Amino acid sequence: MPVRETRQRLGLSQAKFAAALGVSFQGVNRWENGRTKPLPVALKQIELLLHQMGRRGEDLLIRYFRKPQQ
């Protein structure tokens, strides 16, 4: 699951990461603890954040979305 790794690589708390995605802190916490999975719309937001990170996010894009950075 790309949630924790993306958040940590961005240096954000769960609350700030949740705000960046437009979801609740509790949602991010549940994702990271494996209780629920992100909805497709949230996964698209995470993918977008990884693209915006450039080379720093490329390995996570490949691992979780199988789309290398162009």
Protein backbone atom coordinates (compact mmCIF):
# COMPACT_ATOMS: atom_id res chain seq x y z
CA MET A 1 0.00 0.00 0.00
CA PRO A 2 1.55 3.29 -1.08
CA VAL A 3 -0.05 5.39 1.66
CA ARG A 4 2.52 5.30 4.47
CA GLU A 5 5.54 5.36 2.18
CA THR A 6 4.24 8.30 0.17
CA ARG A 7 3.29 10.24 3.30
CA GLN A 8 6.65 9.62 4.94
CA ARG A 9 8.58 10.52 1.81
CA LEU A 10 6.67 13.81 1.67
CA GLY A 11 7.48 14.41 5.34
CA LEU A 12 3.84 14.90 6.27
CA SER A 13 1.89 13.90 9.35
CA GLN A 14 -1.20 11.78 8.85
CA ALA A 15 -3.35 14.88 9.41
CA LYS A 16 -1.48 16.97 6.81
CA PHE A 17 -1.45 14.09 4.32
CA ALA A 18 -5.19 13.65 4.83
CA ALA A 19 -5.74 17.35 4.18
CA ALA A 20 -3.67 17.15 0.98
CA LEU A 21 -5.86 14.29 -0.24
CA GLY A 22 -9.13 15.81 0.95
CA VAL A 23 -9.89 12.93 3.32
CA SER A 24 -10.10 12.57 7.08
CA PHE A 25 -7.18 11.82 9.37
CA GLN A 26 -9.06 8.71 10.49
CA GLY A 27 -9.22 7.50 6.90
CA VAL A 28 -5.46 7.76 6.45
CA ASN A 29 -4.92 6.08 9.81
CA ARG A 30 -7.19 3.17 8.82
CA TRP A 31 -5.40 2.78 5.49
CA GLU A 32 -2.00 2.70 7.13
CA ASN A 33 -3.14 0.17 9.72
CA GLY A 34 -4.70 -2.09 7.09
CA ARG A 35 -8.26 -1.75 8.38
CA THR A 36 -9.54 -0.27 5.10
CA LYS A 37 -8.21 0.49 1.62
CA PRO A 38 -8.24 3.84 -0.16
CA LEU A 39 -11.00 4.40 -2.67
CA PRO A 40 -9.89 4.67 -6.32
CA VAL A 41 -10.24 8.46 -6.22
CA ALA A 42 -7.81 8.66 -3.27
CA LEU A 43 -5.38 6.32 -5.03
CA LYS A 44 -5.44 8.66 -8.04
CA GLN A 45 -4.56 11.56 -5.72
CA ILE A 46 -1.68 9.56 -4.25
CA GLU A 47 -0.48 8.70 -7.75
CA LEU A 48 -0.60 12.39 -8.66
CA LEU A 49 1.44 13.31 -5.58
CA LEU A 50 4.04 10.72 -6.56
CA HIS A 51 4.24 12.14 -10.08
CA GLN A 52 4.73 15.61 -8.61
CA MET A 53 7.64 14.30 -6.54
CA GLY A 54 9.55 13.47 -9.71
CA ARG A 55 12.51 11.15 -9.21
CA ARG A 56 11.86 10.92 -5.45
CA GLY A 57 8.54 9.20 -6.13
CA GLU A 58 9.49 7.17 -9.19
CA ASP A 59 10.22 3.90 -7.36
CA LEU A 60 6.86 4.04 -5.57
CA LEU A 61 5.06 4.72 -8.85
CA ILE A 62 6.70 1.67 -10.39
CA ARG A 63 6.03 -0.51 -7.35
CA TYR A 64 2.40 0.44 -6.77
CA PHE A 65 1.15 1.87 -10.05
CA ARG A 66 3.60 0.30 -12.55
CA LYS A 67 4.04 3.60 -14.35
CA PRO A 68 7.63 4.87 -14.45
CA GLN A 69 8.17 8.63 -14.43
CA GLN A 70 8.66 9.95 -17.98
